[in-house]
PDB file of N, CA and C in Angstrom:
ATOM      1  N   MET A   1     112.001 104.128 104.235  1.00  0.00           N
ATOM      2  CA  MET A   1     111.053 103.181 104.777  1.00  0.00           C
ATOM      3  C   MET A   1     111.824 101.627 104.900  1.00  0.00           C
ATOM      4  N   ASN A   2     112.737 101.243 103.889  1.00  0.00           N
ATOM      5  CA  ASN A   2     113.378 100.370 104.048  1.00  0.00           C
ATOM      6  C   ASN A   2     114.028  99.944 105.524  1.00  0.00           C
ATOM      7  N   ARG A   3     114.634 101.176 105.975  1.00  0.00           N
ATOM      8  CA  ARG A   3     115.255 100.987 107.296  1.00  0.00           C
ATOM      9  C   ARG A   3     114.220 100.799 108.345  1.00  0.00           C
ATOM     10  N   TYR A   4     113.000 101.292 108.358  1.00  0.00           N
ATOM     11  CA  TYR A   4     112.096 101.175 108.998  1.00  0.00           C
ATOM     12  C   TYR A   4     111.546  99.687 109.208  1.00  0.00           C
ATOM     13  N   GLU A   5     111.246  99.097 107.927  1.00  0.00           N
ATOM     14  CA  GLU A   5     111.046  97.727 107.972  1.00  0.00           C
ATOM     15  C   GLU A   5     111.893  96.890 108.342  1.00  0.00           C
ATOM     16  N   ARG A   6     113.312  97.060 108.282  1.00  0.00           N
ATOM     17  CA  ARG A   6     114.314  96.067 108.737  1.00  0.00           C
ATOM     18  C   ARG A   6     114.314  96.316 110.292  1.00  0.00           C
ATOM     19  N   GLY A   7     113.987  97.485 110.763  1.00  0.00           N
ATOM     20  CA  GLY A   7     114.074  97.783 112.349  1.00  0.00           C
ATOM     21  C   GLY A   7     115.483  98.362 112.537  1.00  0.00           C
ATOM     22  N   THR A   8     116.162  99.009 111.496  1.00  0.00           N
ATOM     23  CA  THR A   8     117.241  99.868 111.962  1.00  0.00           C
ATOM     24  C   THR A   8     117.147 101.177 112.226  1.00  0.00           C
ATOM     25  N   ARG A   9     116.016 101.700 112.089  1.00  0.00           N
ATOM     26  CA  ARG A   9     115.347 102.966 112.344  1.00  0.00           C
ATOM     27  C   ARG A   9     113.951 103.247 112.966  1.00  0.00           C
ATOM     28  N   VAL A  10     113.711 103.545 113.838  1.00  0.00           N
ATOM     29  CA  VAL A  10     112.415 103.883 114.659  1.00  0.00           C
ATOM     30  C   VAL A  10     112.065 105.205 114.311  1.00  0.00           C
ATOM     31  N   PRO A  11     110.491 105.232 114.101  1.00  0.00           N
ATOM     32  CA  PRO A  11     110.340 106.733 113.777  1.00  0.00           C
ATOM     33  C   PRO A  11     110.105 107.536 114.948  1.00  0.00           C
ATOM     34  N   ASP A  12     110.139 108.714 115.184  1.00  0.00           N
ATOM     35  CA  ASP A  12     110.290 109.735 116.082  1.00  0.00           C
ATOM     36  C   ASP A  12     108.498 109.710 116.608  1.00  0.00           C
ATOM     37  N   PRO A  13     108.663 109.523 117.996  1.00  0.00           N
ATOM     38  CA  PRO A  13     107.068 109.429 118.613  1.00  0.00           C
ATOM     39  C   PRO A  13     106.326 110.729 118.243  1.00  0.00           C
ATOM     40  N   THR A  14     107.018 111.551 118.088  1.00  0.00           N
ATOM     41  CA  THR A  14     106.167 112.960 117.457  1.00  0.00           C
ATOM     42  C   THR A  14     105.307 112.738 116.177  1.00  0.00           C
ATOM     43  N   ILE A  15     106.275 112.231 115.131  1.00  0.00           N
ATOM     44  CA  ILE A  15     105.533 112.008 114.118  1.00  0.00           C
ATOM     45  C   ILE A  15     104.566 110.842 113.906  1.00  0.00           C
ATOM     46  N   VAL A  16     104.684 109.720 114.785  1.00  0.00           N
ATOM     47  CA  VAL A  16     103.719 108.833 114.807  1.00  0.00           C
ATOM     48  C   VAL A  16     102.474 109.323 115.625  1.00  0.00           C
ATOM     49  N   GLU A  17     102.600 110.331 116.403  1.00  0.00           N
ATOM     50  CA  GLU A  17     101.402 110.894 117.226  1.00  0.00           C
ATOM     51  C   GLU A  17     100.719 111.644 116.073  1.00  0.00           C
ATOM     52  N   ARG A  18     101.432 112.397 115.257  1.00  0.00           N
ATOM     53  CA  ARG A  18     100.781 113.270 113.917  1.00  0.00           C
ATOM     54  C   ARG A  18      99.932 112.293 113.105  1.00  0.00           C
ATOM     55  N   ILE A  19     100.751 111.125 112.853  1.00  0.00           N
ATOM     56  CA  ILE A  19      99.871 110.004 112.020  1.00  0.00           C
ATOM     57  C   ILE A  19      98.887 109.744 112.462  1.00  0.00           C
ATOM     58  N   ALA A  20      98.799 108.960 113.523  1.00  0.00           N
ATOM     59  CA  ALA A  20      97.807 108.681 114.488  1.00  0.00           C
ATOM     60  C   ALA A  20      96.732 109.579 114.601  1.00  0.00           C
ATOM     61  N   SER A  21      96.901 110.910 114.925  1.00  0.00           N
ATOM     62  CA  SER A  21      96.145 111.679 114.967  1.00  0.00           C
ATOM     63  C   SER A  21      95.358 111.952 113.600  1.00  0.00           C
ATOM     64  N   GLU A  22      95.906 112.279 112.695  1.00  0.00           N
ATOM     65  CA  GLU A  22      95.228 112.293 111.202  1.00  0.00           C
ATOM     66  C   GLU A  22      94.490 111.140 110.834  1.00  0.00           C
ATOM     67  N   LEU A  23      94.795 109.926 111.326  1.00  0.00           N
ATOM     68  CA  LEU A  23      93.999 108.770 111.217  1.00  0.00           C
ATOM     69  C   LEU A  23      92.721 108.387 112.203  1.00  0.00           C
ATOM     70  N   GLY A  24      92.827 109.188 113.216  1.00  0.00           N
ATOM     71  CA  GLY A  24      91.961 108.818 114.413  1.00  0.00           C
ATOM     72  C   GLY A  24      92.156 107.697 115.157  1.00  0.00           C
ATOM     73  N   LEU A  25      93.570 107.206 115.381  1.00  0.00           N
ATOM     74  CA  LEU A  25      93.982 106.015 115.763  1.00  0.00           C
ATOM     75  C   LEU A  25      94.635 106.346 116.826  1.00  0.00           C
ATOM     76  N   PRO A  26      94.819 105.430 118.083  1.00  0.00           N
ATOM     77  CA  PRO A  26      96.010 105.822 119.066  1.00  0.00           C
ATOM     78  C   PRO A  26      97.202 105.514 118.785  1.00  0.00           C
ATOM     79  N   MET A  27      98.134 106.128 119.413  1.00  0.00           N
ATOM     80  CA  MET A  27      99.449 105.754 118.746  1.00  0.00           C
ATOM     81  C   MET A  27      99.861 104.147 119.149  1.00  0.00           C
ATOM     82  N   ALA A  28      99.291 103.742 120.193  1.00  0.00           N
ATOM     83  CA  ALA A  28      99.713 102.269 120.459  1.00  0.00           C
ATOM     84  C   ALA A  28      99.252 101.320 119.104  1.00  0.00           C
ATOM     85  N   TYR A  29      98.566 101.664 118.275  1.00  0.00           N
ATOM     86  CA  TYR A  29      98.008 100.968 117.397  1.00  0.00           C
ATOM     87  C   TYR A  29      99.242 100.709 116.345  1.00  0.00           C
ATOM     88  N   PHE A  30     100.151 101.732 116.248  1.00  0.00           N
ATOM     89  CA  PHE A  30     101.444 101.506 115.346  1.00  0.00           C
ATOM     90  C   PHE A  30     102.568 100.549 116.048  1.00  0.00           C
ATOM     91  N   TYR A  31     102.548 100.568 117.463  1.00  0.00           N
ATOM     92  CA  TYR A  31     103.374  99.764 118.134  1.00  0.00           C
ATOM     93  C   TYR A  31     102.939  98.073 118.744  1.00  0.00           C
ATOM     94  N   THR A  32     101.903  97.865 118.097  1.00  0.00           N
ATOM     95  CA  THR A  32     101.085  96.538 118.337  1.00  0.00           C
ATOM     96  C   THR A  32     101.866  95.618 117.549  1.00  0.00           C
ATOM     97  N   ALA A  33     102.387  94.297 118.135  1.00  0.00           N
ATOM     98  CA  ALA A  33     102.614  93.458 117.238  1.00  0.00           C
ATOM     99  C   ALA A  33     101.835  92.370 116.579  1.00  0.00           C
ATOM    100  N   LYS A  34     100.389  92.582 117.160  1.00  0.00           N
ATOM    101  CA  LYS A  34      99.521  91.521 116.394  1.00  0.00           C
ATOM    102  C   LYS A  34      98.596  92.104 115.904  1.00  0.00           C
ATOM    103  N   ASN A  35      98.100  91.397 114.862  1.00  0.00           N
ATOM    104  CA  ASN A  35      96.958  92.105 114.272  1.00  0.00           C
ATOM    105  C   ASN A  35      95.541  92.108 114.937  1.00  0.00           C
ATOM    106  N   ASP A  36      95.270  91.075 115.735  1.00  0.00           N
ATOM    107  CA  ASP A  36      94.020  90.975 116.520  1.00  0.00           C
ATOM    108  C   ASP A  36      94.161  92.206 117.260  1.00  0.00           C
ATOM    109  N   GLU A  37      95.158  92.463 117.979  1.00  0.00           N
ATOM    110  CA  GLU A  37      95.395  93.630 119.200  1.00  0.00           C
ATOM    111  C   GLU A  37      95.175  94.811 118.474  1.00  0.00           C
ATOM    112  N   ALA A  38      95.686  95.198 117.196  1.00  0.00           N
ATOM    113  CA  ALA A  38      95.588  96.432 116.322  1.00  0.00           C
ATOM    114  C   ALA A  38      93.989  96.623 115.894  1.00  0.00           C
ATOM    115  N   LYS A  39      93.334  95.641 115.547  1.00  0.00           N
ATOM    116  CA  LYS A  39      91.885  95.655 115.241  1.00  0.00           C
ATOM    117  C   LYS A  39      91.227  96.170 116.530  1.00  0.00           C
ATOM    118  N   LEU A  40      91.170  95.726 117.603  1.00  0.00           N
ATOM    119  CA  LEU A  40      90.858  95.918 118.902  1.00  0.00           C
ATOM    120  C   LEU A  40      90.864  97.509 119.320  1.00  0.00           C
ATOM    121  N   LEU A  41      92.152  97.717 118.969  1.00  0.00           N
ATOM    122  CA  LEU A  41      92.298  99.411 119.313  1.00  0.00           C
ATOM    123  C   LEU A  41      91.645 100.169 118.323  1.00  0.00           C
ATOM    124  N   ARG A  42      91.728 100.027 117.123  1.00  0.00           N
ATOM    125  CA  ARG A  42      90.864 100.235 116.163  1.00  0.00           C
ATOM    126  C   ARG A  42      89.585 100.573 116.315  1.00  0.00           C
ATOM    127  N   TRP A  43      88.982  99.413 116.417  1.00  0.00           N
ATOM    128  CA  TRP A  43      87.449  99.413 117.067  1.00  0.00           C
ATOM    129  C   TRP A  43      87.258 100.245 118.027  1.00  0.00           C
ATOM    130  N   PHE A  44      87.877 100.283 118.993  1.00  0.00           N
ATOM    131  CA  PHE A  44      87.773 100.743 120.478  1.00  0.00           C
ATOM    132  C   PHE A  44      87.560 102.464 120.160  1.00  0.00           C
ATOM    133  N   CYS A  45      88.684 102.996 119.133  1.00  0.00           N
ATOM    134  CA  CYS A  45      88.499 104.173 118.872  1.00  0.00           C
ATOM    135  C   CYS A  45      87.436 104.783 118.356  1.00  0.00           C
ATOM    136  N   GLN A  46      86.815 104.260 117.601  1.00  0.00           N
ATOM    137  CA  GLN A  46      85.801 104.241 116.914  1.00  0.00           C
ATOM    138  C   GLN A  46      84.376 104.447 117.565  1.00  0.00           C
ATOM    139  N   LEU A  47      84.352 103.960 118.830  1.00  0.00           N
ATOM    140  CA  LEU A  47      83.347 103.940 119.615  1.00  0.00           C
ATOM    141  C   LEU A  47      83.143 105.719 120.512  1.00  0.00           C
ATOM    142  N   GLY A  48      81.852 105.614 120.924  1.00  0.00           N
ATOM    143  CA  GLY A  48      81.651 106.850 121.218  1.00  0.00           C
ATOM    144  C   GLY A  48      82.091 106.885 122.925  1.00  0.00           C
ATOM    145  N   GLU A  49      82.212 107.692 123.608  1.00  0.00           N
ATOM    146  CA  GLU A  49      82.550 107.925 125.079  1.00  0.00           C
ATOM    147  C   GLU A  49      81.611 106.980 125.832  1.00  0.00           C
ATOM    148  N   GLU A  50      80.514 107.152 125.867  1.00  0.00           N
ATOM    149  CA  GLU A  50      79.406 106.105 126.515  1.00  0.00           C
ATOM    150  C   GLU A  50      79.770 104.578 126.162  1.00  0.00           C
ATOM    151  N   GLU A  51      79.916 104.503 124.708  1.00  0.00           N
ATOM    152  CA  GLU A  51      80.083 102.941 124.240  1.00  0.00           C
ATOM    153  C   GLU A  51      81.308 102.447 125.134  1.00  0.00           C
ATOM    154  N   LYS A  52      82.422 103.240 125.005  1.00  0.00           N
ATOM    155  CA  LYS A  52      83.849 102.869 125.724  1.00  0.00           C
ATOM    156  C   LYS A  52      83.700 102.614 127.253  1.00  0.00           C
ATOM    157  N   ALA A  53      82.783 103.534 127.742  1.00  0.00           N
ATOM    158  CA  ALA A  53      82.637 103.138 129.245  1.00  0.00           C
ATOM    159  C   ALA A  53      81.879 101.787 129.582  1.00  0.00           C
ATOM    160  N   GLU A  54      80.708 101.571 128.667  1.00  0.00           N
ATOM    161  CA  GLU A  54      80.123 100.323 128.806  1.00  0.00           C
ATOM    162  C   GLU A  54      80.673  99.235 128.761  1.00  0.00           C
ATOM    163  N   LEU A  55      81.586  99.459 127.533  1.00  0.00           N
ATOM    164  CA  LEU A  55      82.286  97.998 127.134  1.00  0.00           C
ATOM    165  C   LEU A  55      83.508  98.121 128.238  1.00  0.00           C
ATOM    166  N   MET A  56      84.026  98.785 128.908  1.00  0.00           N
ATOM    167  CA  MET A  56      84.924  98.905 129.812  1.00  0.00           C
ATOM    168  C   MET A  56      84.489  98.246 130.991  1.00  0.00           C
ATOM    169  N   GLN A  57      82.934  98.358 131.378  1.00  0.00           N
ATOM    170  CA  GLN A  57      82.634  97.993 132.495  1.00  0.00           C
ATOM    171  C   GLN A  57      82.196  96.290 132.336  1.00  0.00           C
ATOM    172  N   ARG A  58      81.787  96.212 131.335  1.00  0.00           N
ATOM    173  CA  ARG A  58      81.488  94.734 130.770  1.00  0.00           C
ATOM    174  C   ARG A  58      82.808  93.820 131.046  1.00  0.00           C
ATOM    175  N   VAL A  59      83.998  94.397 130.543  1.00  0.00           N
ATOM    176  CA  VAL A  59      85.399  93.785 130.345  1.00  0.00           C
ATOM    177  C   VAL A  59      85.598  93.519 131.878  1.00  0.00           C
ATOM    178  N   GLU A  60      85.416  94.511 132.514  1.00  0.00           N
ATOM    179  CA  GLU A  60      85.857  94.511 133.936  1.00  0.00           C
ATOM    180  C   GLU A  60      85.057  93.290 134.594  1.00  0.00           C
ATOM    181  N   LEU A  61      83.696  93.365 134.536  1.00  0.00           N
ATOM    182  CA  LEU A  61      83.069  92.398 135.175  1.00  0.00           C
ATOM    183  C   LEU A  61      83.228  90.980 134.928  1.00  0.00           C
ATOM    184  N   GLU A  62      83.613  90.991 133.417  1.00  0.00           N
ATOM    185  CA  GLU A  62      84.122  89.416 132.963  1.00  0.00           C
ATOM    186  C   GLU A  62      85.414  88.954 133.673  1.00  0.00           C
ATOM    187  N   MET A  63      86.248  89.903 133.510  1.00  0.00           N
ATOM    188  CA  MET A  63      87.707  89.647 134.064  1.00  0.00           C
ATOM    189  C   MET A  63      87.573  89.223 135.631  1.00  0.00           C
ATOM    190  N   ARG A  64      86.755  90.034 136.406  1.00  0.00           N
ATOM    191  CA  ARG A  64      86.776  89.437 137.644  1.00  0.00           C
ATOM    192  C   ARG A  64      86.437  87.934 138.160  1.00  0.00           C
ATOM    193  N   ASP A  65      85.577  87.153 137.195  1.00  0.00           N
ATOM    194  CA  ASP A  65      85.164  85.928 137.233  1.00  0.00           C
ATOM    195  C   ASP A  65      86.305  85.057 137.254  1.00  0.00           C
TER     196      ASP A  65
END
């Protein structure tokens, strides 16, 4: 664990994928440098498909302005 914390060793992507799957999170969650981004990813994953589509439409509209 110490090597991971120091950045001298990086976990294999397949292991990260398995952990993410077990926790119901996207792999990107584990590679995010900022806590607010991680929260957004976690929250987004908890939404249903219709909620995700609605949110994406709202964000797209907002970003066009």
